[in-house]
Amino acid sequence: MNEWRRKRGKGKEKRGKGKGERGKRKDKRGKRKGKMKKRILSGMRPTGKLHLGHYTGALENWIRLQDSYDNYHLIADWHVLTTSLDTSNAYEDTIDMVIDWLAAGLDPVKSPMFRQSQIKEHTELHLIFSMLITVNRLERNPTVKDQIRDLNIENITYGHLGYPVLQAADILLYKGDCVPVGEDQVPHIEISRELARKFNFAFGHVFPEPEPLLTQFSRLVGLDGNAKMSKSLGNTILLADEAEVVKGKLKKAVTDPQKMRKGDPGRPEVCLVFSYHKKYSPEETGEIDADCRSGKLGCVDCKMRCAAMISSFLEPIIEKRKYYESHRGEVMDVLLDGERRARVTAEATMGEVREKVRLG
């Protein structure tokens, strides 16, 4: 029996009595009832193999929260079209990304994983929500402004301007109570809250107002020191990078420009590599800080210490990743099962929405 089916079987055993865990929480309409965990909805665009910025900014938080919340995680493949019409790599990028989710420790039994495009209710709710928000409100969204600048977009499409509305549909379709995000995504959550309030006021109460759950390390600066990690900028360390690759990348990382050679006093507070130490070797930061300032620790030695700590962290992820890379059928099983489970919730929510709107 493969790893996925074995874990899924254990999950069913735990839920096997009576109607099952979720069955106890729902009536025939699929509404949540009684005392239960709060629900999280979060996702990522399918960009292929993930890097440390993805891990620290989102994935780490998802894994930490999966025992204390009722989690749903989507592959936001419709969102790809908001900035590019090229979908030729979407399937492979999706599989690679889900492999990293699984290898890092996201449990598909606790956290259904599914492709947004395979649940048609996302687009239906998006259409209804688009009637509840003005163009002026969307144009004030600072995150969209940043994307237009960073991607050098001259003519913004309707879909790109309105992607926070699709994001709101993603969250509220599953009645998400909380959304784990970095600070730059908080304006999107506010739009989701506004749309929940407007729908509830106009048609009757269906949706909660989701709260942001801020990630501690919401951004990890890229190796060039000028921006957050981004594959398009070539400044990343991938979760799949072996130890020698990590060493090679860290050798090129920028450091304090005033520390030219070993013996020169350094300034850890402006050093990119020191920021990585704070994340991956926090128990050593006091010693590293002191030795850098005194000149005792040179930049090359500091980088190699950092590379060793990062590789130690990545080693178990890489081992699990190798398993799933050679068992891609299991990854597809994870998605199909997650989509089946997500569809049940989505259909129940849209049943309530149609009843309130009184169309169809």
Protein backbone atom coordinates (compact mmCIF):
# COMPACT_ATOMS: atom_id res chain seq x y z
CA MET A 1 0.00 0.00 0.00
CA ASN A 2 1.48 3.38 -0.96
CA GLU A 3 2.21 6.13 1.55
CA TRP A 4 -0.77 8.29 0.57
CA ARG A 5 -3.33 5.48 0.77
CA ARG A 6 -1.90 4.29 4.09
CA LYS A 7 -2.23 7.75 5.64
CA ARG A 8 -5.68 8.20 4.13
CA GLY A 9 -6.74 4.85 5.59
CA LYS A 10 -5.62 5.88 9.07
CA GLY A 11 -7.57 9.12 8.71
CA LYS A 12 -10.72 7.19 7.81
CA GLU A 13 -10.29 4.89 10.81
CA LYS A 14 -10.18 7.89 13.14
CA ARG A 15 -13.33 9.27 11.56
CA GLY A 16 -14.99 5.93 11.03
CA LYS A 17 -17.66 5.94 13.75
CA GLY A 18 -21.16 7.17 12.95
CA LYS A 19 -21.26 9.85 10.31
CA GLY A 20 -17.57 10.65 10.61
CA GLU A 21 -15.85 13.75 11.89
CA ARG A 22 -17.13 16.10 9.22
CA GLY A 23 -20.52 14.37 9.17
CA LYS A 24 -21.04 15.25 12.82
CA ARG A 25 -20.36 18.87 11.98
CA LYS A 26 -22.79 19.31 9.13
CA ASP A 27 -26.51 19.06 8.56
CA LYS A 28 -27.97 17.92 5.25
CA ARG A 29 -27.18 21.29 3.67
CA GLY A 30 -23.49 20.98 4.54
CA LYS A 31 -23.58 23.78 7.11
CA ARG A 32 -21.10 23.63 9.95
CA LYS A 33 -22.73 23.00 13.31
CA GLY A 34 -21.70 22.81 16.94
CA LYS A 35 -18.31 23.45 18.53
CA MET A 36 -15.52 22.96 16.02
CA LYS A 37 -12.19 24.25 14.79
CA LYS A 38 -12.00 27.50 12.89
CA ARG A 39 -11.40 27.07 9.19
CA ILE A 40 -8.44 28.26 7.14
CA LEU A 41 -8.33 28.72 3.37
CA SER A 42 -5.01 29.55 1.78
CA GLY A 43 -3.27 28.81 -1.49
CA MET A 44 -0.52 29.56 -3.97
CA ARG A 45 -0.25 30.07 -7.69
CA PRO A 46 1.31 27.01 -9.36
CA THR A 47 4.86 28.23 -9.95
CA GLY A 48 6.68 24.89 -9.86
CA LYS A 49 9.38 24.08 -7.32
CA LEU A 50 9.18 26.26 -4.23
CA HIS A 51 11.96 28.25 -2.58
CA LEU A 52 12.75 29.22 1.01
CA GLY A 53 10.74 32.41 0.63
CA HIS A 54 7.61 30.37 -0.07
CA TYR A 55 8.35 28.20 2.93
CA THR A 56 8.93 30.97 5.46
CA GLY A 57 6.23 33.23 4.03
CA ALA A 58 3.42 30.66 3.87
CA LEU A 59 4.10 26.93 3.93
CA GLU A 60 5.72 26.83 7.35
CA ASN A 61 2.69 28.57 8.84
CA TRP A 62 0.25 26.20 7.11
CA ILE A 63 2.06 23.19 8.55
CA ARG A 64 2.10 24.70 12.04
CA LEU A 65 -1.62 25.48 11.93
CA GLN A 66 -2.92 22.22 10.43
CA ASP A 67 -3.50 20.54 13.80
CA SER A 68 -5.37 23.47 15.35
CA TYR A 69 -7.48 24.59 12.36
CA ASP A 70 -9.67 22.97 9.72
CA ASN A 71 -7.48 23.62 6.66
CA TYR A 72 -8.17 23.87 2.93
CA HIS A 73 -5.31 24.60 0.50
CA LEU A 74 -5.85 25.43 -3.14
CA ILE A 75 -3.65 25.60 -6.20
CA ALA A 76 -4.73 28.97 -7.58
CA ASP A 77 -4.45 28.08 -11.26
CA TRP A 78 -7.18 30.48 -12.46
CA HIS A 79 -5.07 33.27 -10.97
CA VAL A 80 -2.24 32.45 -13.40
CA LEU A 81 -4.36 33.95 -16.20
CA THR A 82 -4.49 37.33 -14.48
CA THR A 83 -0.86 38.02 -15.44
CA SER A 84 -0.09 35.54 -18.24
CA LEU A 85 -2.07 33.57 -20.83
CA ASP A 86 0.67 30.92 -21.13
CA THR A 87 -0.60 27.80 -19.34
CA SER A 88 1.71 25.32 -21.08
CA ASN A 89 3.55 24.46 -17.84
CA ALA A 90 0.59 24.70 -15.48
CA TYR A 91 0.16 20.96 -14.92
CA GLU A 92 3.84 20.19 -14.27
CA ASP A 93 4.20 23.31 -12.13
CA THR A 94 1.19 22.19 -10.10
CA ILE A 95 2.61 18.71 -9.48
CA ASP A 96 6.04 20.11 -8.55
CA MET A 97 4.48 22.55 -6.10
CA VAL A 98 2.30 19.92 -4.44
CA ILE A 99 5.34 17.65 -4.12
CA ASP A 100 7.02 20.41 -2.12
CA TRP A 101 3.89 20.86 0.02
CA LEU A 102 3.89 17.16 0.85
CA ALA A 103 7.67 16.92 1.34
CA ALA A 104 7.67 19.89 3.71
CA GLY A 105 5.04 18.25 5.93
CA LEU A 106 1.60 19.39 4.81
CA ASP A 107 -0.71 16.45 5.56
CA PRO A 108 -3.35 15.81 2.84
CA VAL A 109 -5.57 13.94 5.31
CA LYS A 110 -5.80 17.01 7.56
CA SER A 111 -5.51 19.59 4.77
CA PRO A 112 -7.33 18.87 1.47
CA MET A 113 -5.28 20.14 -1.50
CA PHE A 114 -7.09 20.93 -4.71
CA ARG A 115 -6.95 22.80 -8.01
CA GLN A 116 -9.14 25.87 -8.05
CA SER A 117 -10.03 25.30 -11.72
CA GLN A 118 -11.57 21.91 -10.92
CA ILE A 119 -14.21 23.41 -8.58
CA LYS A 120 -16.59 25.38 -10.84
CA GLU A 121 -18.23 27.14 -7.89
CA HIS A 122 -15.17 29.43 -7.57
CA THR A 123 -16.04 31.20 -10.81
CA GLU A 124 -19.75 31.36 -9.99
CA LEU A 125 -19.20 33.05 -6.64
CA HIS A 126 -16.59 35.33 -8.22
CA LEU A 127 -19.23 36.57 -10.68
CA ILE A 128 -21.70 37.37 -7.90
CA PHE A 129 -19.05 39.15 -5.82
CA SER A 130 -18.00 41.24 -8.84
CA MET A 131 -21.42 42.90 -8.66
CA LEU A 132 -20.71 44.08 -5.10
CA ILE A 133 -17.51 46.10 -5.56
CA THR A 134 -16.58 49.20 -7.55
CA VAL A 135 -13.68 49.70 -9.94
CA ASN A 136 -12.48 52.62 -7.81
CA ARG A 137 -12.21 50.37 -4.78
CA LEU A 138 -10.12 47.83 -6.69
CA GLU A 139 -7.85 50.54 -8.10
CA ARG A 140 -6.99 51.63 -4.55
CA ASN A 141 -5.60 48.19 -3.71
CA PRO A 142 -1.84 48.74 -3.03
CA THR A 143 -0.89 45.15 -3.89
CA VAL A 144 -2.25 45.48 -7.43
CA LYS A 145 -0.33 48.73 -7.82
CA ASP A 146 2.87 46.97 -6.73
CA GLN A 147 2.29 44.13 -9.22
CA ILE A 148 1.71 46.56 -12.08
CA ARG A 149 5.01 48.27 -11.24
CA ASP A 150 7.04 45.08 -10.65
CA LEU A 151 5.76 43.30 -13.78
CA ASN A 152 5.91 46.43 -15.98
CA ILE A 153 2.27 46.02 -16.99
CA GLU A 154 1.11 48.83 -19.30
CA ASN A 155 -2.53 47.84 -19.78
CA ILE A 156 -4.18 46.12 -16.85
CA THR A 157 -6.92 43.61 -17.68
CA TYR A 158 -10.31 43.32 -16.00
CA GLY A 159 -9.24 39.95 -14.60
CA HIS A 160 -6.03 41.30 -13.09
CA LEU A 161 -7.70 44.32 -11.53
CA GLY A 162 -10.38 42.07 -10.08
CA TYR A 163 -8.22 39.20 -8.88
CA PRO A 164 -8.78 40.16 -5.20
CA VAL A 165 -12.47 39.47 -5.90
CA LEU A 166 -11.63 35.98 -7.16
CA GLN A 167 -9.44 35.58 -4.10
CA ALA A 168 -12.38 36.57 -1.90
CA ALA A 169 -14.51 33.93 -3.64
CA ASP A 170 -11.76 31.36 -2.98
CA ILE A 171 -11.77 32.16 0.74
CA LEU A 172 -15.48 32.62 1.34
CA LEU A 173 -16.61 29.63 -0.74
CA TYR A 174 -15.17 27.50 2.10
CA LYS A 175 -16.33 29.97 4.76
CA GLY A 176 -12.76 30.63 5.81
CA ASP A 177 -12.53 32.18 9.26
CA CYS A 178 -8.81 32.93 8.97
CA VAL A 179 -6.25 33.35 6.20
CA PRO A 180 -2.48 32.98 6.89
CA VAL A 181 -0.79 35.84 5.01
CA GLY A 182 2.15 38.20 5.02
CA GLU A 183 1.58 41.89 5.68
CA ASP A 184 1.52 42.67 1.94
CA GLN A 185 -1.63 40.54 1.53
CA VAL A 186 -3.66 42.12 4.33
CA PRO A 187 -5.39 44.59 1.91
CA HIS A 188 -6.77 41.57 0.01
CA ILE A 189 -8.24 40.15 3.19
CA GLU A 190 -9.93 43.47 3.87
CA ILE A 191 -11.59 43.27 0.43
CA SER A 192 -12.80 39.76 1.32
CA ARG A 193 -14.25 41.10 4.58
CA GLU A 194 -15.98 43.93 2.75
CA LEU A 195 -17.53 41.55 0.23
CA ALA A 196 -18.74 39.23 2.99
CA ARG A 197 -20.42 42.18 4.73
CA LYS A 198 -22.00 43.48 1.52
CA PHE A 199 -23.38 40.10 0.52
CA ASN A 200 -24.73 39.41 4.00
CA PHE A 201 -26.38 42.85 4.13
CA ALA A 202 -27.87 42.63 0.63
CA PHE A 203 -29.11 39.03 0.64
CA GLY A 204 -28.85 37.53 4.13
CA HIS A 205 -26.11 36.06 6.26
CA VAL A 206 -24.00 33.33 4.65
CA PHE A 207 -20.33 34.30 5.07
CA PRO A 208 -17.98 34.94 8.01
CA GLU A 209 -15.61 37.91 7.86
CA PRO A 210 -12.15 36.28 7.58
CA GLU A 211 -9.30 37.46 9.77
CA PRO A 212 -5.63 37.58 8.66
CA LEU A 213 -3.14 35.38 10.50
CA LEU A 214 0.17 37.16 10.04
CA THR A 215 3.24 35.06 9.29
CA GLN A 216 6.28 35.82 11.49
CA PHE A 217 8.79 35.72 8.60
CA SER A 218 6.46 37.03 5.92
CA ARG A 219 9.34 37.85 3.57
CA LEU A 220 12.78 36.36 3.06
CA VAL A 221 15.16 38.64 1.21
CA GLY A 222 16.68 37.17 -1.95
CA LEU A 223 20.37 36.37 -2.36
CA ASP A 224 20.93 39.66 -4.18
CA GLY A 225 19.75 41.58 -1.12
CA ASN A 226 17.51 43.86 -3.15
CA ALA A 227 14.10 42.16 -3.01
CA LYS A 228 12.20 39.21 -1.64
CA MET A 229 13.08 35.81 -3.08
CA SER A 230 11.73 35.38 -6.61
CA LYS A 231 12.57 32.82 -9.28
CA SER A 232 12.13 35.48 -11.94
CA LEU A 233 14.97 37.43 -10.28
CA GLY A 234 17.23 34.37 -9.92
CA ASN A 235 17.86 35.07 -6.23
CA THR A 236 16.40 31.97 -4.60
CA ILE A 237 17.35 28.84 -2.70
CA LEU A 238 14.94 26.06 -3.68
CA LEU A 239 13.59 23.49 -1.25
CA ALA A 240 15.00 20.93 -3.71
CA ASP A 241 18.55 22.34 -3.71
CA GLU A 242 21.23 19.86 -2.60
CA ALA A 243 24.01 20.93 -0.21
CA GLU A 244 26.58 21.79 -2.89
CA VAL A 245 24.04 23.93 -4.74
CA VAL A 246 23.21 25.79 -1.54
CA LYS A 247 26.92 26.43 -0.91
CA GLY A 248 27.39 27.78 -4.43
CA LYS A 249 24.45 30.13 -4.08
CA LEU A 250 25.46 31.39 -0.64
CA LYS A 251 28.97 32.18 -1.89
CA LYS A 252 27.41 34.79 -4.19
CA ALA A 253 25.10 36.28 -1.55
CA VAL A 254 25.61 39.96 -0.76
CA THR A 255 26.93 40.95 2.66
CA ASP A 256 27.90 44.15 4.48
CA PRO A 257 29.66 46.26 1.79
CA GLN A 258 31.93 47.80 4.44
CA LYS A 259 33.32 44.41 5.51
CA MET A 260 35.85 43.77 2.75
CA ARG A 261 38.00 41.08 4.39
CA LYS A 262 38.28 38.97 7.52
CA GLY A 263 39.36 41.19 10.40
CA ASP A 264 37.20 44.12 9.30
CA PRO A 265 34.40 44.90 11.77
CA GLY A 266 31.00 43.98 10.33
CA ARG A 267 27.42 45.16 10.76
CA PRO A 268 25.13 42.13 11.09
CA GLU A 269 22.02 44.32 11.02
CA VAL A 270 22.62 45.16 7.34
CA CYS A 271 23.90 41.72 6.31
CA LEU A 272 21.63 39.46 4.26
CA VAL A 273 23.38 36.29 5.44
CA PHE A 274 22.85 37.24 9.09
CA SER A 275 19.11 37.52 8.40
CA TYR A 276 19.23 33.90 7.22
CA HIS A 277 21.10 32.91 10.38
CA LYS A 278 18.28 34.43 12.45
CA LYS A 279 15.87 32.08 10.74
CA TYR A 280 17.92 28.87 10.38
CA SER A 281 20.40 29.01 13.27
CA PRO A 282 18.80 31.30 15.87
CA GLU A 283 20.68 29.73 18.77
CA GLU A 284 24.00 30.85 17.22
CA THR A 285 23.08 34.42 16.31
CA GLY A 286 24.53 35.93 19.49
CA GLU A 287 27.96 34.42 18.82
CA ILE A 288 27.80 35.24 15.10
CA ASP A 289 26.78 38.82 15.82
CA ALA A 290 29.69 39.34 18.24
CA ASP A 291 32.29 37.64 16.04
CA CYS A 292 31.18 39.57 12.97
CA ARG A 293 31.38 42.92 14.76
CA SER A 294 34.82 42.13 16.16
CA GLY A 295 36.16 40.93 12.80
CA LYS A 296 36.84 37.44 14.15
CA LEU A 297 34.35 35.87 11.73
CA GLY A 298 34.94 36.41 8.02
CA CYS A 299 32.16 36.52 5.45
CA VAL A 300 33.17 33.30 3.66
CA ASP A 301 33.16 31.28 6.90
CA CYS A 302 29.88 32.93 7.90
CA LYS A 303 28.30 31.97 4.57
CA MET A 304 29.46 28.36 4.83
CA ARG A 305 28.08 28.07 8.36
CA CYS A 306 24.80 29.42 7.07
CA ALA A 307 24.81 27.05 4.08
CA ALA A 308 25.36 24.08 6.41
CA MET A 309 22.41 25.06 8.59
CA ILE A 310 20.11 25.58 5.62
CA SER A 311 21.13 22.25 4.09
CA SER A 312 20.54 20.50 7.41
CA PHE A 313 17.03 21.95 7.40
CA LEU A 314 16.42 20.95 3.77
CA GLU A 315 17.78 17.40 4.01
CA PRO A 316 14.57 15.65 5.20
CA ILE A 317 12.47 17.67 2.74
CA ILE A 318 14.71 16.60 -0.14
CA GLU A 319 14.45 12.94 0.91
CA LYS A 320 10.65 13.07 0.94
CA ARG A 321 10.68 15.00 -2.31
CA LYS A 322 12.62 12.21 -4.02
CA TYR A 323 9.96 9.74 -2.94
CA TYR A 324 7.08 11.77 -4.37
CA GLU A 325 8.99 12.57 -7.57
CA SER A 326 9.15 8.84 -8.25
CA HIS A 327 5.51 8.30 -7.16
CA ARG A 328 3.69 11.04 -9.04
CA GLY A 329 0.57 8.91 -9.20
CA GLU A 330 0.23 9.35 -5.43
CA VAL A 331 0.47 13.12 -5.85
CA MET A 332 -2.41 12.99 -8.34
CA ASP A 333 -4.38 10.83 -5.88
CA VAL A 334 -3.88 13.55 -3.26
CA LEU A 335 -5.29 16.18 -5.61
CA LEU A 336 -8.27 14.10 -6.75
CA ASP A 337 -9.21 13.27 -3.17
CA GLY A 338 -8.79 16.90 -2.09
CA GLU A 339 -10.96 18.06 -4.99
CA ARG A 340 -13.68 15.60 -4.07
CA ARG A 341 -13.71 16.84 -0.47
CA ALA A 342 -13.51 20.52 -1.46
CA ARG A 343 -16.36 20.09 -3.95
CA VAL A 344 -18.73 18.91 -1.22
CA THR A 345 -18.14 22.10 0.79
CA ALA A 346 -18.25 24.37 -2.28
CA GLU A 347 -21.54 22.93 -3.51
CA ALA A 348 -23.12 23.32 -0.07
CA THR A 349 -22.05 26.98 0.16
CA MET A 350 -23.32 27.80 -3.32
CA GLY A 351 -26.62 26.12 -2.45
CA GLU A 352 -27.00 28.67 0.35
CA VAL A 353 -25.91 31.52 -1.93
CA ARG A 354 -28.43 30.66 -4.66
CA GLU A 355 -31.19 30.37 -2.08
CA LYS A 356 -30.35 33.83 -0.68
CA VAL A 357 -29.97 35.52 -4.07
CA ARG A 358 -33.13 33.78 -5.33
CA LEU A 359 -31.92 33.10 -8.86
CA GLY A 360 -32.16 29.73 -10.59
